[in-house]
PDB file of N, CA and C in Angstrom:
ATOM      1  N   UNK A   1      -0.295 -23.708  60.247  1.00  0.00           N
ATOM      2  CA  UNK A   1       0.024 -22.989  59.186  1.00  0.00           C
ATOM      3  C   UNK A   1       1.364 -22.872  58.716  1.00  0.00           C
ATOM      4  N   UNK A   2       2.279 -23.047  59.784  1.00  0.00           N
ATOM      5  CA  UNK A   2       3.700 -23.090  59.464  1.00  0.00           C
ATOM      6  C   UNK A   2       4.134 -24.141  58.548  1.00  0.00           C
ATOM      7  N   UNK A   3       3.322 -25.335  58.680  1.00  0.00           N
ATOM      8  CA  UNK A   3       3.719 -26.430  57.635  1.00  0.00           C
ATOM      9  C   UNK A   3       3.317 -26.136  56.251  1.00  0.00           C
ATOM     10  N   UNK A   4       2.230 -25.422  56.072  1.00  0.00           N
ATOM     11  CA  UNK A   4       1.722 -25.044  54.796  1.00  0.00           C
ATOM     12  C   UNK A   4       2.602 -23.991  54.126  1.00  0.00           C
ATOM     13  N   UNK A   5       3.181 -23.095  54.946  1.00  0.00           N
ATOM     14  CA  UNK A   5       4.174 -22.135  54.419  1.00  0.00           C
ATOM     15  C   UNK A   5       5.609 -22.836  54.027  1.00  0.00           C
ATOM     16  N   UNK A   6       5.919 -23.779  54.903  1.00  0.00           N
ATOM     17  CA  UNK A   6       7.128 -24.388  54.521  1.00  0.00           C
ATOM     18  C   UNK A   6       6.959 -25.180  53.327  1.00  0.00           C
ATOM     19  N   UNK A   7       5.747 -25.767  53.070  1.00  0.00           N
ATOM     20  CA  UNK A   7       5.627 -26.577  51.995  1.00  0.00           C
ATOM     21  C   UNK A   7       5.561 -25.777  50.751  1.00  0.00           C
ATOM     22  N   UNK A   8       5.059 -24.563  50.910  1.00  0.00           N
ATOM     23  CA  UNK A   8       5.003 -23.554  49.800  1.00  0.00           C
ATOM     24  C   UNK A   8       6.376 -23.278  49.368  1.00  0.00           C
ATOM     25  N   UNK A   9       7.292 -22.954  50.310  1.00  0.00           N
ATOM     26  CA  UNK A   9       8.718 -22.551  50.109  1.00  0.00           C
ATOM     27  C   UNK A   9       9.389 -23.828  49.313  1.00  0.00           C
ATOM     28  N   UNK A  10       9.203 -24.917  49.898  1.00  0.00           N
ATOM     29  CA  UNK A  10       9.834 -26.158  49.363  1.00  0.00           C
ATOM     30  C   UNK A  10       9.397 -26.283  47.929  1.00  0.00           C
ATOM     31  N   UNK A  11       8.179 -26.094  47.559  1.00  0.00           N
ATOM     32  CA  UNK A  11       7.609 -26.234  46.097  1.00  0.00           C
ATOM     33  C   UNK A  11       8.340 -25.046  45.382  1.00  0.00           C
ATOM     34  N   UNK A  12       8.387 -23.981  45.819  1.00  0.00           N
ATOM     35  CA  UNK A  12       9.292 -22.741  45.132  1.00  0.00           C
ATOM     36  C   UNK A  12      10.606 -23.124  44.923  1.00  0.00           C
ATOM     37  N   UNK A  13      11.276 -23.872  45.815  1.00  0.00           N
ATOM     38  CA  UNK A  13      12.786 -24.209  45.604  1.00  0.00           C
ATOM     39  C   UNK A  13      12.860 -25.172  44.615  1.00  0.00           C
ATOM     40  N   UNK A  14      11.921 -26.245  44.669  1.00  0.00           N
ATOM     41  CA  UNK A  14      12.023 -27.190  43.730  1.00  0.00           C
ATOM     42  C   UNK A  14      11.717 -26.756  42.151  1.00  0.00           C
ATOM     43  N   UNK A  15      10.810 -25.959  42.162  1.00  0.00           N
ATOM     44  CA  UNK A  15      10.416 -25.290  40.701  1.00  0.00           C
ATOM     45  C   UNK A  15      11.634 -24.349  40.203  1.00  0.00           C
ATOM     46  N   UNK A  16      12.147 -23.721  41.169  1.00  0.00           N
ATOM     47  CA  UNK A  16      13.334 -22.998  40.871  1.00  0.00           C
ATOM     48  C   UNK A  16      14.484 -23.692  40.331  1.00  0.00           C
ATOM     49  N   UNK A  17      14.792 -24.753  41.157  1.00  0.00           N
ATOM     50  CA  UNK A  17      15.950 -25.569  40.739  1.00  0.00           C
ATOM     51  C   UNK A  17      15.583 -26.280  39.313  1.00  0.00           C
ATOM     52  N   UNK A  18      14.400 -26.831  39.157  1.00  0.00           N
ATOM     53  CA  UNK A  18      13.980 -27.381  37.819  1.00  0.00           C
ATOM     54  C   UNK A  18      14.141 -26.351  36.831  1.00  0.00           C
ATOM     55  N   UNK A  19      13.643 -25.145  36.763  1.00  0.00           N
ATOM     56  CA  UNK A  19      13.859 -24.187  35.886  1.00  0.00           C
ATOM     57  C   UNK A  19      15.219 -23.816  35.556  1.00  0.00           C
ATOM     58  N   UNK A  20      15.965 -23.820  36.560  1.00  0.00           N
ATOM     59  CA  UNK A  20      17.458 -23.454  36.374  1.00  0.00           C
ATOM     60  C   UNK A  20      18.222 -24.596  35.649  1.00  0.00           C
ATOM     61  N   UNK A  21      17.849 -25.770  35.990  1.00  0.00           N
ATOM     62  CA  UNK A  21      18.725 -26.891  35.443  1.00  0.00           C
ATOM     63  C   UNK A  21      18.267 -27.799  34.389  1.00  0.00           C
ATOM     64  N   UNK A  22      16.885 -27.543  34.081  1.00  0.00           N
ATOM     65  CA  UNK A  22      16.172 -28.649  33.160  1.00  0.00           C
ATOM     66  C   UNK A  22      15.858 -27.721  31.847  1.00  0.00           C
ATOM     67  N   UNK A  23      16.262 -27.966  30.755  1.00  0.00           N
ATOM     68  CA  UNK A  23      15.975 -27.263  29.492  1.00  0.00           C
ATOM     69  C   UNK A  23      14.458 -27.413  29.129  1.00  0.00           C
ATOM     70  N   UNK A  24      13.963 -28.703  29.466  1.00  0.00           N
ATOM     71  CA  UNK A  24      12.661 -28.986  28.972  1.00  0.00           C
ATOM     72  C   UNK A  24      11.585 -28.256  29.991  1.00  0.00           C
ATOM     73  N   UNK A  25      11.951 -27.981  31.096  1.00  0.00           N
ATOM     74  CA  UNK A  25      11.039 -27.332  32.007  1.00  0.00           C
ATOM     75  C   UNK A  25      11.107 -25.887  31.759  1.00  0.00           C
ATOM     76  N   UNK A  26      12.404 -25.353  31.338  1.00  0.00           N
ATOM     77  CA  UNK A  26      12.402 -23.946  30.942  1.00  0.00           C
ATOM     78  C   UNK A  26      11.669 -23.562  29.704  1.00  0.00           C
ATOM     79  N   UNK A  27      11.645 -24.577  28.728  1.00  0.00           N
ATOM     80  CA  UNK A  27      10.625 -24.628  27.449  1.00  0.00           C
ATOM     81  C   UNK A  27       9.199 -24.429  27.882  1.00  0.00           C
ATOM     82  N   UNK A  28       8.902 -25.414  28.839  1.00  0.00           N
ATOM     83  CA  UNK A  28       7.486 -25.563  29.026  1.00  0.00           C
ATOM     84  C   UNK A  28       6.972 -24.409  29.887  1.00  0.00           C
ATOM     85  N   UNK A  29       7.930 -23.702  30.631  1.00  0.00           N
ATOM     86  CA  UNK A  29       7.615 -22.496  31.427  1.00  0.00           C
ATOM     87  C   UNK A  29       7.386 -21.366  30.538  1.00  0.00           C
ATOM     88  N   UNK A  30       8.208 -21.291  29.411  1.00  0.00           N
ATOM     89  CA  UNK A  30       8.105 -20.285  28.565  1.00  0.00           C
ATOM     90  C   UNK A  30       6.562 -20.472  27.735  1.00  0.00           C
ATOM     91  N   UNK A  31       6.357 -21.691  27.426  1.00  0.00           N
ATOM     92  CA  UNK A  31       4.990 -22.067  26.717  1.00  0.00           C
ATOM     93  C   UNK A  31       4.006 -21.686  27.625  1.00  0.00           C
ATOM     94  N   UNK A  32       3.983 -21.898  29.016  1.00  0.00           N
ATOM     95  CA  UNK A  32       2.967 -21.347  30.062  1.00  0.00           C
ATOM     96  C   UNK A  32       2.778 -19.990  30.074  1.00  0.00           C
ATOM     97  N   UNK A  33       3.887 -19.241  29.961  1.00  0.00           N
ATOM     98  CA  UNK A  33       3.936 -17.670  30.146  1.00  0.00           C
ATOM     99  C   UNK A  33       3.227 -17.197  28.812  1.00  0.00           C
ATOM    100  N   UNK A  34       3.334 -17.866  27.742  1.00  0.00           N
ATOM    101  CA  UNK A  34       2.736 -17.459  26.523  1.00  0.00           C
ATOM    102  C   UNK A  34       1.148 -17.955  26.521  1.00  0.00           C
ATOM    103  N   UNK A  35       0.976 -19.096  27.014  1.00  0.00           N
ATOM    104  CA  UNK A  35      -0.374 -19.784  27.154  1.00  0.00           C
ATOM    105  C   UNK A  35      -1.450 -18.825  27.828  1.00  0.00           C
ATOM    106  N   UNK A  36      -0.991 -18.209  28.914  1.00  0.00           N
ATOM    107  CA  UNK A  36      -1.901 -17.619  29.839  1.00  0.00           C
ATOM    108  C   UNK A  36      -2.660 -16.452  28.959  1.00  0.00           C
ATOM    109  N   UNK A  37      -1.688 -15.501  28.418  1.00  0.00           N
ATOM    110  CA  UNK A  37      -2.490 -14.474  27.608  1.00  0.00           C
ATOM    111  C   UNK A  37      -3.195 -15.048  26.399  1.00  0.00           C
ATOM    112  N   UNK A  38      -2.645 -16.112  25.827  1.00  0.00           N
ATOM    113  CA  UNK A  38      -3.244 -16.571  24.514  1.00  0.00           C
ATOM    114  C   UNK A  38      -4.511 -17.283  24.967  1.00  0.00           C
ATOM    115  N   UNK A  39      -4.687 -17.840  26.086  1.00  0.00           N
ATOM    116  CA  UNK A  39      -5.915 -18.451  26.577  1.00  0.00           C
ATOM    117  C   UNK A  39      -7.062 -17.530  26.501  1.00  0.00           C
ATOM    118  N   UNK A  40      -6.757 -16.322  26.964  1.00  0.00           N
ATOM    119  CA  UNK A  40      -7.885 -15.267  26.842  1.00  0.00           C
ATOM    120  C   UNK A  40      -8.274 -14.857  25.440  1.00  0.00           C
ATOM    121  N   UNK A  41      -7.427 -15.055  24.431  1.00  0.00           N
ATOM    122  CA  UNK A  41      -7.731 -14.684  23.219  1.00  0.00           C
ATOM    123  C   UNK A  41      -8.475 -15.806  22.559  1.00  0.00           C
ATOM    124  N   UNK A  42      -7.927 -17.102  22.729  1.00  0.00           N
ATOM    125  CA  UNK A  42      -8.441 -18.345  22.074  1.00  0.00           C
ATOM    126  C   UNK A  42      -9.699 -18.793  22.782  1.00  0.00           C
ATOM    127  N   UNK A  43      -9.745 -18.888  24.013  1.00  0.00           N
ATOM    128  CA  UNK A  43     -10.990 -19.422  24.770  1.00  0.00           C
ATOM    129  C   UNK A  43     -12.096 -18.529  24.716  1.00  0.00           C
ATOM    130  N   UNK A  44     -13.315 -19.233  24.438  1.00  0.00           N
ATOM    131  CA  UNK A  44     -14.535 -18.600  24.163  1.00  0.00           C
ATOM    132  C   UNK A  44     -15.190 -18.280  25.619  1.00  0.00           C
ATOM    133  N   UNK A  45     -14.719 -18.831  26.653  1.00  0.00           N
ATOM    134  CA  UNK A  45     -15.521 -18.625  27.818  1.00  0.00           C
ATOM    135  C   UNK A  45     -14.474 -19.000  29.004  1.00  0.00           C
ATOM    136  N   UNK A  46     -14.875 -18.711  30.226  1.00  0.00           N
ATOM    137  CA  UNK A  46     -14.027 -18.943  31.294  1.00  0.00           C
ATOM    138  C   UNK A  46     -13.520 -20.453  31.508  1.00  0.00           C
ATOM    139  N   UNK A  47     -14.387 -21.349  31.294  1.00  0.00           N
ATOM    140  CA  UNK A  47     -14.053 -22.749  31.493  1.00  0.00           C
ATOM    141  C   UNK A  47     -13.212 -23.247  30.458  1.00  0.00           C
ATOM    142  N   UNK A  48     -13.234 -22.662  29.234  1.00  0.00           N
ATOM    143  CA  UNK A  48     -12.440 -22.983  28.214  1.00  0.00           C
ATOM    144  C   UNK A  48     -10.988 -22.499  28.326  1.00  0.00           C
ATOM    145  N   UNK A  49     -11.068 -21.244  28.776  1.00  0.00           N
ATOM    146  CA  UNK A  49      -9.677 -20.461  29.264  1.00  0.00           C
ATOM    147  C   UNK A  49      -8.928 -21.474  30.320  1.00  0.00           C
ATOM    148  N   UNK A  50      -9.677 -21.734  31.331  1.00  0.00           N
ATOM    149  CA  UNK A  50      -9.121 -22.631  32.416  1.00  0.00           C
ATOM    150  C   UNK A  50      -8.580 -23.840  31.845  1.00  0.00           C
ATOM    151  N   UNK A  51      -9.353 -24.439  31.016  1.00  0.00           N
ATOM    152  CA  UNK A  51      -8.908 -25.809  30.409  1.00  0.00           C
ATOM    153  C   UNK A  51      -7.599 -25.619  29.591  1.00  0.00           C
ATOM    154  N   UNK A  52      -7.531 -24.444  28.823  1.00  0.00           N
ATOM    155  CA  UNK A  52      -6.364 -24.262  28.002  1.00  0.00           C
ATOM    156  C   UNK A  52      -5.032 -23.979  28.897  1.00  0.00           C
ATOM    157  N   UNK A  53      -5.238 -23.239  29.968  1.00  0.00           N
ATOM    158  CA  UNK A  53      -3.999 -23.038  30.878  1.00  0.00           C
ATOM    159  C   UNK A  53      -3.770 -24.304  31.573  1.00  0.00           C
ATOM    160  N   UNK A  54      -4.878 -24.968  32.092  1.00  0.00           N
ATOM    161  CA  UNK A  54      -4.590 -26.330  32.952  1.00  0.00           C
ATOM    162  C   UNK A  54      -3.907 -27.325  32.053  1.00  0.00           C
ATOM    163  N   UNK A  55      -4.147 -27.355  30.802  1.00  0.00           N
ATOM    164  CA  UNK A  55      -3.488 -28.398  29.975  1.00  0.00           C
ATOM    165  C   UNK A  55      -2.055 -28.160  29.853  1.00  0.00           C
ATOM    166  N   UNK A  56      -1.590 -26.923  29.753  1.00  0.00           N
ATOM    167  CA  UNK A  56      -0.180 -26.675  29.892  1.00  0.00           C
ATOM    168  C   UNK A  56       0.306 -26.884  31.200  1.00  0.00           C
ATOM    169  N   UNK A  57      -0.363 -26.600  32.295  1.00  0.00           N
ATOM    170  CA  UNK A  57       0.127 -26.937  33.540  1.00  0.00           C
ATOM    171  C   UNK A  57       0.319 -28.558  33.727  1.00  0.00           C
ATOM    172  N   UNK A  58      -0.620 -29.272  33.101  1.00  0.00           N
ATOM    173  CA  UNK A  58      -0.535 -30.573  33.164  1.00  0.00           C
ATOM    174  C   UNK A  58       0.753 -31.219  32.496  1.00  0.00           C
ATOM    175  N   UNK A  59       1.129 -30.498  31.316  1.00  0.00           N
ATOM    176  CA  UNK A  59       2.299 -30.901  30.817  1.00  0.00           C
ATOM    177  C   UNK A  59       3.688 -30.738  31.763  1.00  0.00           C
ATOM    178  N   UNK A  60       3.473 -29.445  32.442  1.00  0.00           N
ATOM    179  CA  UNK A  60       4.703 -29.148  33.257  1.00  0.00           C
ATOM    180  C   UNK A  60       4.693 -30.220  34.416  1.00  0.00           C
ATOM    181  N   UNK A  61       3.432 -30.431  34.956  1.00  0.00           N
ATOM    182  CA  UNK A  61       3.547 -31.358  36.086  1.00  0.00           C
ATOM    183  C   UNK A  61       4.007 -32.757  35.655  1.00  0.00           C
ATOM    184  N   UNK A  62       3.769 -33.195  34.596  1.00  0.00           N
ATOM    185  CA  UNK A  62       4.128 -34.522  34.035  1.00  0.00           C
ATOM    186  C   UNK A  62       5.691 -34.449  33.843  1.00  0.00           C
ATOM    187  N   UNK A  63       5.959 -33.402  33.170  1.00  0.00           N
ATOM    188  CA  UNK A  63       7.582 -33.108  33.024  1.00  0.00           C
ATOM    189  C   UNK A  63       8.403 -33.112  34.274  1.00  0.00           C
ATOM    190  N   UNK A  64       7.835 -32.462  35.367  1.00  0.00           N
ATOM    191  CA  UNK A  64       8.484 -32.350  36.671  1.00  0.00           C
ATOM    192  C   UNK A  64       8.641 -33.833  37.160  1.00  0.00           C
ATOM    193  N   UNK A  65       7.624 -34.544  36.979  1.00  0.00           N
ATOM    194  CA  UNK A  65       7.571 -36.014  37.410  1.00  0.00           C
ATOM    195  C   UNK A  65       8.744 -36.740  36.766  1.00  0.00           C
ATOM    196  N   UNK A  66       8.684 -36.525  35.397  1.00  0.00           N
ATOM    197  CA  UNK A  66       9.515 -37.387  34.516  1.00  0.00           C
ATOM    198  C   UNK A  66      10.951 -36.908  34.935  1.00  0.00           C
ATOM    199  N   UNK A  67      11.229 -35.643  35.261  1.00  0.00           N
ATOM    200  CA  UNK A  67      12.638 -35.137  35.733  1.00  0.00           C
ATOM    201  C   UNK A  67      12.941 -35.886  36.929  1.00  0.00           C
ATOM    202  N   UNK A  68      12.113 -35.970  37.916  1.00  0.00           N
ATOM    203  CA  UNK A  68      12.306 -36.622  39.152  1.00  0.00           C
ATOM    204  C   UNK A  68      12.616 -38.020  38.917  1.00  0.00           C
ATOM    205  N   UNK A  69      12.000 -38.752  38.022  1.00  0.00           N
ATOM    206  CA  UNK A  69      12.194 -40.149  37.673  1.00  0.00           C
ATOM    207  C   UNK A  69      13.588 -40.276  37.138  1.00  0.00           C
ATOM    208  N   UNK A  70      13.920 -39.460  36.277  1.00  0.00           N
ATOM    209  CA  UNK A  70      15.240 -39.480  35.681  1.00  0.00           C
ATOM    210  C   UNK A  70      16.421 -39.331  36.537  1.00  0.00           C
ATOM    211  N   UNK A  71      16.170 -38.289  37.491  1.00  0.00           N
ATOM    212  CA  UNK A  71      17.216 -37.886  38.289  1.00  0.00           C
ATOM    213  C   UNK A  71      17.419 -39.120  39.494  1.00  0.00           C
ATOM    214  N   UNK A  72      16.315 -39.602  39.826  1.00  0.00           N
ATOM    215  CA  UNK A  72      16.324 -40.845  40.764  1.00  0.00           C
ATOM    216  C   UNK A  72      17.014 -42.028  40.085  1.00  0.00           C
ATOM    217  N   UNK A  73      16.667 -42.268  38.856  1.00  0.00           N
ATOM    218  CA  UNK A  73      17.404 -43.388  38.177  1.00  0.00           C
ATOM    219  C   UNK A  73      18.849 -43.026  38.015  1.00  0.00           C
ATOM    220  N   UNK A  74      19.341 -41.852  37.759  1.00  0.00           N
ATOM    221  CA  UNK A  74      20.772 -41.532  37.540  1.00  0.00           C
ATOM    222  C   UNK A  74      21.469 -41.580  38.870  1.00  0.00           C
ATOM    223  N   UNK A  75      20.605 -41.356  40.056  1.00  0.00           N
ATOM    224  CA  UNK A  75      21.376 -41.419  41.261  1.00  0.00           C
ATOM    225  C   UNK A  75      21.455 -42.904  41.705  1.00  0.00           C
ATOM    226  N   UNK A  76      20.514 -43.869  41.395  1.00  0.00           N
ATOM    227  CA  UNK A  76      20.580 -45.227  41.718  1.00  0.00           C
ATOM    228  C   UNK A  76      21.717 -45.908  40.996  1.00  0.00           C
ATOM    229  N   UNK A  77      21.807 -45.626  39.691  1.00  0.00           N
ATOM    230  CA  UNK A  77      22.847 -46.115  38.835  1.00  0.00           C
ATOM    231  C   UNK A  77      23.314 -45.241  37.767  1.00  0.00           C
ATOM    232  N   UNK A  78      24.341 -44.624  37.993  1.00  0.00           N
ATOM    233  CA  UNK A  78      24.821 -43.652  36.926  1.00  0.00           C
ATOM    234  C   UNK A  78      25.239 -44.249  35.452  1.00  0.00           C
ATOM    235  N   UNK A  79      25.589 -45.536  35.612  1.00  0.00           N
ATOM    236  CA  UNK A  79      25.889 -46.241  34.341  1.00  0.00           C
ATOM    237  C   UNK A  79      24.671 -46.599  33.430  1.00  0.00           C
ATOM    238  N   UNK A  80      24.758 -46.634  32.264  1.00  0.00           N
ATOM    239  CA  UNK A  80      23.714 -47.033  31.405  1.00  0.00           C
ATOM    240  C   UNK A  80      23.259 -48.510  31.761  1.00  0.00           C
ATOM    241  N   UNK A  81      21.967 -48.668  31.890  1.00  0.00           N
ATOM    242  CA  UNK A  81      21.321 -49.876  32.090  1.00  0.00           C
ATOM    243  C   UNK A  81      20.072 -50.027  31.252  1.00  0.00           C
ATOM    244  N   UNK A  82      19.976 -51.176  30.662  1.00  0.00           N
ATOM    245  CA  UNK A  82      18.810 -51.407  29.709  1.00  0.00           C
ATOM    246  C   UNK A  82      17.415 -51.166  30.459  1.00  0.00           C
ATOM    247  N   UNK A  83      17.213 -51.550  31.782  1.00  0.00           N
ATOM    248  CA  UNK A  83      15.889 -51.459  32.360  1.00  0.00           C
ATOM    249  C   UNK A  83      15.788 -49.878  32.899  1.00  0.00           C
ATOM    250  N   UNK A  84      16.720 -49.343  33.223  1.00  0.00           N
ATOM    251  CA  UNK A  84      16.768 -47.871  33.448  1.00  0.00           C
ATOM    252  C   UNK A  84      16.259 -47.014  32.176  1.00  0.00           C
ATOM    253  N   UNK A  85      16.782 -47.515  31.076  1.00  0.00           N
ATOM    254  CA  UNK A  85      16.437 -46.688  29.835  1.00  0.00           C
ATOM    255  C   UNK A  85      14.841 -46.994  29.606  1.00  0.00           C
ATOM    256  N   UNK A  86      14.437 -48.095  29.864  1.00  0.00           N
ATOM    257  CA  UNK A  86      13.073 -48.366  29.510  1.00  0.00           C
ATOM    258  C   UNK A  86      12.136 -47.469  30.609  1.00  0.00           C
ATOM    259  N   UNK A  87      12.518 -47.391  31.836  1.00  0.00           N
ATOM    260  CA  UNK A  87      11.891 -46.475  32.785  1.00  0.00           C
ATOM    261  C   UNK A  87      11.856 -45.081  32.407  1.00  0.00           C
ATOM    262  N   UNK A  88      13.120 -44.450  31.898  1.00  0.00           N
ATOM    263  CA  UNK A  88      13.187 -43.176  31.410  1.00  0.00           C
ATOM    264  C   UNK A  88      12.329 -42.970  30.217  1.00  0.00           C
ATOM    265  N   UNK A  89      12.361 -43.926  29.267  1.00  0.00           N
ATOM    266  CA  UNK A  89      11.619 -43.877  28.022  1.00  0.00           C
ATOM    267  C   UNK A  89      10.057 -43.858  28.370  1.00  0.00           C
ATOM    268  N   UNK A  90       9.671 -44.531  29.298  1.00  0.00           N
ATOM    269  CA  UNK A  90       8.233 -44.435  29.684  1.00  0.00           C
ATOM    270  C   UNK A  90       7.959 -43.204  30.398  1.00  0.00           C
ATOM    271  N   UNK A  91       8.776 -42.663  31.160  1.00  0.00           N
ATOM    272  CA  UNK A  91       8.507 -41.344  31.632  1.00  0.00           C
ATOM    273  C   UNK A  91       8.441 -40.120  30.395  1.00  0.00           C
ATOM    274  N   UNK A  92       9.171 -40.426  29.428  1.00  0.00           N
ATOM    275  CA  UNK A  92       9.213 -39.559  28.244  1.00  0.00           C
ATOM    276  C   UNK A  92       7.894 -39.679  27.500  1.00  0.00           C
ATOM    277  N   UNK A  93       7.490 -40.802  27.465  1.00  0.00           N
ATOM    278  CA  UNK A  93       6.185 -41.181  26.797  1.00  0.00           C
ATOM    279  C   UNK A  93       4.998 -40.601  27.494  1.00  0.00           C
ATOM    280  N   UNK A  94       5.039 -40.535  28.907  1.00  0.00           N
ATOM    281  CA  UNK A  94       3.987 -39.862  29.780  1.00  0.00           C
ATOM    282  C   UNK A  94       3.978 -38.407  29.454  1.00  0.00           C
ATOM    283  N   UNK A  95       5.285 -37.685  29.105  1.00  0.00           N
ATOM    284  CA  UNK A  95       5.351 -36.386  28.853  1.00  0.00           C
ATOM    285  C   UNK A  95       4.573 -36.193  27.584  1.00  0.00           C
ATOM    286  N   UNK A  96       4.913 -37.011  26.395  1.00  0.00           N
ATOM    287  CA  UNK A  96       4.309 -36.963  25.111  1.00  0.00           C
ATOM    288  C   UNK A  96       2.932 -37.200  25.136  1.00  0.00           C
ATOM    289  N   UNK A  97       2.266 -37.958  25.946  1.00  0.00           N
ATOM    290  CA  UNK A  97       0.774 -38.109  26.006  1.00  0.00           C
ATOM    291  C   UNK A  97       0.141 -36.798  26.614  1.00  0.00           C
ATOM    292  N   UNK A  98       0.811 -36.208  27.608  1.00  0.00           N
ATOM    293  CA  UNK A  98       0.374 -35.031  28.149  1.00  0.00           C
ATOM    294  C   UNK A  98       0.350 -33.941  27.169  1.00  0.00           C
ATOM    295  N   UNK A  99       1.400 -33.804  26.502  1.00  0.00           N
ATOM    296  CA  UNK A  99       1.609 -32.786  25.211  1.00  0.00           C
ATOM    297  C   UNK A  99       0.481 -33.087  24.291  1.00  0.00           C
ATOM    298  N   UNK A 100       0.161 -34.249  24.040  1.00  0.00           N
ATOM    299  CA  UNK A 100      -0.928 -34.509  23.121  1.00  0.00           C
ATOM    300  C   UNK A 100      -2.256 -34.046  23.663  1.00  0.00           C
ATOM    301  N   UNK A 101      -2.663 -34.295  24.821  1.00  0.00           N
ATOM    302  CA  UNK A 101      -3.829 -33.855  25.471  1.00  0.00           C
ATOM    303  C   UNK A 101      -3.714 -32.337  25.376  1.00  0.00           C
ATOM    304  N   UNK A 102      -2.702 -31.625  25.708  1.00  0.00           N
ATOM    305  CA  UNK A 102      -2.747 -30.109  25.565  1.00  0.00           C
ATOM    306  C   UNK A 102      -3.055 -29.725  24.217  1.00  0.00           C
ATOM    307  N   UNK A 103      -2.197 -30.432  23.317  1.00  0.00           N
ATOM    308  CA  UNK A 103      -2.521 -30.005  21.859  1.00  0.00           C
ATOM    309  C   UNK A 103      -3.994 -30.126  21.363  1.00  0.00           C
ATOM    310  N   UNK A 104      -4.631 -31.250  21.670  1.00  0.00           N
ATOM    311  CA  UNK A 104      -6.058 -31.582  21.351  1.00  0.00           C
ATOM    312  C   UNK A 104      -6.888 -30.489  21.869  1.00  0.00           C
ATOM    313  N   UNK A 105      -6.666 -30.132  23.259  1.00  0.00           N
ATOM    314  CA  UNK A 105      -7.496 -29.081  23.851  1.00  0.00           C
ATOM    315  C   UNK A 105      -7.203 -27.686  23.152  1.00  0.00           C
ATOM    316  N   UNK A 106      -6.039 -27.222  22.771  1.00  0.00           N
ATOM    317  CA  UNK A 106      -5.811 -26.061  22.218  1.00  0.00           C
ATOM    318  C   UNK A 106      -6.433 -26.135  20.579  1.00  0.00           C
ATOM    319  N   UNK A 107      -6.160 -27.215  20.029  1.00  0.00           N
ATOM    320  CA  UNK A 107      -6.816 -27.340  18.697  1.00  0.00           C
ATOM    321  C   UNK A 107      -8.191 -27.191  18.611  1.00  0.00           C
ATOM    322  N   UNK A 108      -8.832 -28.038  19.517  1.00  0.00           N
ATOM    323  CA  UNK A 108     -10.538 -27.854  19.625  1.00  0.00           C
ATOM    324  C   UNK A 108     -10.955 -26.368  19.922  1.00  0.00           C
ATOM    325  N   UNK A 109     -10.140 -25.738  20.949  1.00  0.00           N
ATOM    326  CA  UNK A 109     -10.542 -24.278  21.108  1.00  0.00           C
ATOM    327  C   UNK A 109     -10.247 -23.328  20.140  1.00  0.00           C
ATOM    328  N   UNK A 110      -9.229 -23.582  19.395  1.00  0.00           N
ATOM    329  CA  UNK A 110      -9.010 -22.856  18.129  1.00  0.00           C
ATOM    330  C   UNK A 110      -9.999 -23.139  17.052  1.00  0.00           C
ATOM    331  N   UNK A 111     -10.335 -24.350  16.962  1.00  0.00           N
ATOM    332  CA  UNK A 111     -11.223 -24.658  15.864  1.00  0.00           C
ATOM    333  C   UNK A 111     -12.603 -24.077  16.272  1.00  0.00           C
ATOM    334  N   UNK A 112     -12.996 -24.040  17.518  1.00  0.00           N
ATOM    335  CA  UNK A 112     -14.179 -23.448  17.929  1.00  0.00           C
ATOM    336  C   UNK A 112     -14.178 -21.941  17.615  1.00  0.00           C
ATOM    337  N   UNK A 113     -13.136 -21.388  18.055  1.00  0.00           N
ATOM    338  CA  UNK A 113     -12.895 -19.893  17.935  1.00  0.00           C
ATOM    339  C   UNK A 113     -13.032 -19.352  16.444  1.00  0.00           C
ATOM    340  N   UNK A 114     -12.342 -20.435  15.575  1.00  0.00           N
ATOM    341  CA  UNK A 114     -12.370 -19.893  14.122  1.00  0.00           C
ATOM    342  C   UNK A 114     -13.518 -20.550  13.390  1.00  0.00           C
ATOM    343  N   UNK A 115     -14.396 -21.157  14.061  1.00  0.00           N
ATOM    344  CA  UNK A 115     -15.668 -21.700  13.567  1.00  0.00           C
ATOM    345  C   UNK A 115     -15.305 -22.745  12.650  1.00  0.00           C
ATOM    346  N   UNK A 116     -14.281 -23.703  12.757  1.00  0.00           N
ATOM    347  CA  UNK A 116     -14.118 -24.864  11.856  1.00  0.00           C
ATOM    348  C   UNK A 116     -15.149 -26.023  12.008  1.00  0.00           C
ATOM    349  N   UNK A 117     -15.655 -26.023  13.315  1.00  0.00           N
ATOM    350  CA  UNK A 117     -16.601 -27.222  13.664  1.00  0.00           C
ATOM    351  C   UNK A 117     -17.937 -26.821  13.233  1.00  0.00           C
TER     352      UNK A 117
END
């Protein structure tokens, strides 16, 4: 049980650091805070509401992983390097894909809610 508690506090410390130091994480945290109540208005049922919130959490998870990759790249070589740029760009592309997934889920839920389909 102690290991689980320690892991929880490590998670809190990592998330807190990311929110304090990364603008993108702050922005996505704000979106998450808005998405939770909006999901109850937009979602037609419990599964749809879960999907709406989960899609924003997915964006945050991918952003956190991208941030980790960028920090590690900067630690390995602080100078500009063409291969490191490609790695960072691919991480950014992963975030973009997650945002597209979230956008599609929210658009589908909105369309259903507004009876566009």
